[in-house]
Amino acid sequence: MIIDLKPLSLAESEEIIESVESEDEKKEIRTFIKKFSQLSAKDAGGLREDLEKLDIHKLKGEYVAKIIDLLPEDEADLSKIFVDSNLSKDEADKILELVKKYK
C-alpha cells in the first residue's frame, strides 16, 4: 500500500525495508544500501531537515534525496544534480556548507 510519495535517499529508505517480509530480501536490500550510502538513516534525516530549513525554493524533494546520496563537494557536483535550474552562488554555498557538516 502506498502511504506517501516522497523522494527518499538510500539511507532514509533503510527504515522502510522493515515492512519487507522476507529476511533474505531485507538482508539483500541492506547490503545494497550499505554499499552505496555514505550516511546513516539518522544523519540522512538530519541533513534533510537542515536542507529544508534553508527555504530555497529550487530545492525540490528529488534534489534533497540526491544531495544526501551523493554528498556533493563543490558547485560542479551540485550543478549535476540541479540540471533544470541554476543555483545562485549563495544558495550553492549554503547547501555545500551543510553537506560538509555531515561528511
Protein backbone atom coordinates (compact mmCIF):
# COMPACT_ATOMS: atom_id res chain seq x y z
CA MET A 1 0.00 0.00 0.00
CA ILE A 2 1.32 3.44 -0.94
CA ILE A 3 1.15 5.83 2.00
CA ASP A 4 3.20 8.77 0.78
CA LEU A 5 5.04 9.75 -2.39
CA LYS A 6 8.19 11.37 -1.03
CA PRO A 7 11.64 11.00 -2.61
CA LEU A 8 13.96 9.23 -0.17
CA SER A 9 17.69 8.89 -0.09
CA LEU A 10 19.16 5.42 0.15
CA ALA A 11 19.94 5.88 3.83
CA GLU A 12 16.40 7.00 4.61
CA SER A 13 14.93 4.06 2.71
CA GLU A 14 16.61 1.65 5.12
CA GLU A 15 13.88 2.33 7.67
CA ILE A 16 11.21 1.38 5.12
CA ILE A 17 12.59 -2.10 4.48
CA GLU A 18 11.28 -3.29 7.84
CA SER A 19 7.96 -3.83 6.05
CA VAL A 20 9.59 -6.44 3.78
CA GLU A 21 8.53 -9.86 4.96
CA SER A 22 11.39 -11.98 3.67
CA GLU A 23 14.53 -11.87 5.81
CA ASP A 24 16.63 -12.77 2.76
CA GLU A 25 15.23 -9.79 0.86
CA LYS A 26 15.84 -7.50 3.83
CA LYS A 27 19.45 -8.65 4.00
CA GLU A 28 19.95 -8.14 0.28
CA ILE A 29 18.47 -4.63 0.38
CA ARG A 30 20.55 -3.67 3.44
CA THR A 31 23.71 -4.88 1.71
CA PHE A 32 22.90 -2.74 -1.32
CA ILE A 33 22.18 0.34 0.81
CA LYS A 34 25.39 -0.03 2.82
CA LYS A 35 27.39 -0.41 -0.39
CA PHE A 36 26.19 2.89 -1.85
CA SER A 37 25.07 5.04 1.08
CA GLN A 38 27.56 7.20 2.93
CA LEU A 39 25.29 8.32 5.79
CA SER A 40 23.26 6.59 8.46
CA ALA A 41 19.48 6.96 8.35
CA LYS A 42 19.67 9.32 11.34
CA ASP A 43 22.26 11.58 9.69
CA ALA A 44 20.37 11.50 6.39
CA GLY A 45 17.22 12.63 8.17
CA GLY A 46 19.14 15.40 9.91
CA LEU A 47 20.65 16.61 6.65
CA ARG A 48 17.19 16.55 5.03
CA GLU A 49 15.77 18.69 7.84
CA ASP A 50 18.66 21.15 7.62
CA LEU A 51 18.34 21.43 3.83
CA GLU A 52 14.60 22.03 4.08
CA LYS A 53 15.19 24.76 6.69
CA LEU A 54 17.24 26.68 4.12
CA ASP A 55 13.95 27.53 2.42
CA ILE A 56 15.45 27.51 -1.08
CA HIS A 57 12.52 27.23 -3.48
CA LYS A 58 14.62 25.48 -6.14
CA LEU A 59 15.41 22.69 -3.67
CA LYS A 60 12.85 20.02 -4.60
CA GLY A 61 12.46 16.73 -2.78
CA GLU A 62 14.25 14.83 -5.55
CA TYR A 63 17.24 17.16 -5.26
CA VAL A 64 17.37 16.77 -1.48
CA ALA A 65 17.45 12.97 -1.84
CA LYS A 66 20.26 13.16 -4.42
CA ILE A 67 22.26 15.60 -2.27
CA ILE A 68 22.01 13.15 0.63
CA ASP A 69 23.04 10.22 -1.57
CA LEU A 70 25.89 11.95 -3.39
CA LEU A 71 27.16 14.45 -0.78
CA PRO A 72 28.45 16.92 -3.39
CA GLU A 73 31.79 18.55 -2.67
CA ASP A 74 31.64 21.62 -4.92
CA GLU A 75 29.42 23.69 -7.21
CA ALA A 76 30.25 21.47 -10.19
CA ASP A 77 28.87 18.45 -8.32
CA LEU A 78 25.75 20.41 -7.36
CA SER A 79 25.15 21.50 -10.94
CA LYS A 80 24.93 17.83 -11.92
CA ILE A 81 22.00 17.46 -9.51
CA PHE A 82 20.27 20.73 -10.44
CA VAL A 83 20.11 20.05 -14.18
CA ASP A 84 16.91 22.01 -14.86
CA SER A 85 17.60 25.05 -12.66
CA ASN A 86 20.56 27.15 -11.64
CA LEU A 87 21.56 27.90 -8.08
CA SER A 88 23.00 31.22 -7.11
CA LYS A 89 26.48 31.25 -5.58
CA ASP A 90 24.94 31.99 -2.17
CA GLU A 91 22.44 29.10 -2.43
CA ALA A 92 25.14 26.67 -3.53
CA ASP A 93 27.45 27.78 -0.71
CA LYS A 94 24.71 27.26 1.90
CA ILE A 95 24.00 23.74 0.64
CA LEU A 96 27.67 22.79 0.45
CA GLU A 97 28.30 24.11 3.96
CA LEU A 98 25.56 21.86 5.33
CA VAL A 99 26.86 18.84 3.45
CA LYS A 100 30.34 19.38 4.93
CA LYS A 101 28.88 19.08 8.44
CA TYR A 102 27.65 15.57 7.68
CA LYS A 103 30.73 14.13 5.99
